């Protein structure tokens, strides 16, 4: 079992930045590929970014490419999402997810992940 706790959400003006963190506990963090997803009110949860267990393979949704950066620190059991040039349409609850995987790259499908955090709210005002 892996426990995931997100932090770093908040209210920011359009054009601003936030850094989300996801702290993992319970198992060997470096065995897990990690992802960030988001869900806006009335919408389905969608892929944002993911990173392989070693951190060398990253994948991004087209909507955030060039503005968001995912990274991880295996020594700190933490994955990050740096969000720059935020837009009102980035407003959502952001979730961290994990799947045990040391064989493939960064995963994009919501159904591939086994563990989820409770989420952290990001609100971008115009």
Foldseek 3Di string as FASTA:
>chain_A
DKAKAKDWADEEAAQAKIKMKIAIDDDQLLQKKKFKWWDDPPGDIFGAKIWHSVRPAIDGDPVQPPFWDWGDDSVRRMIMIIGGRDDQVVWTWMKMFIDRDDDDTTDGDPVRTDDIYPTDTHGYHD
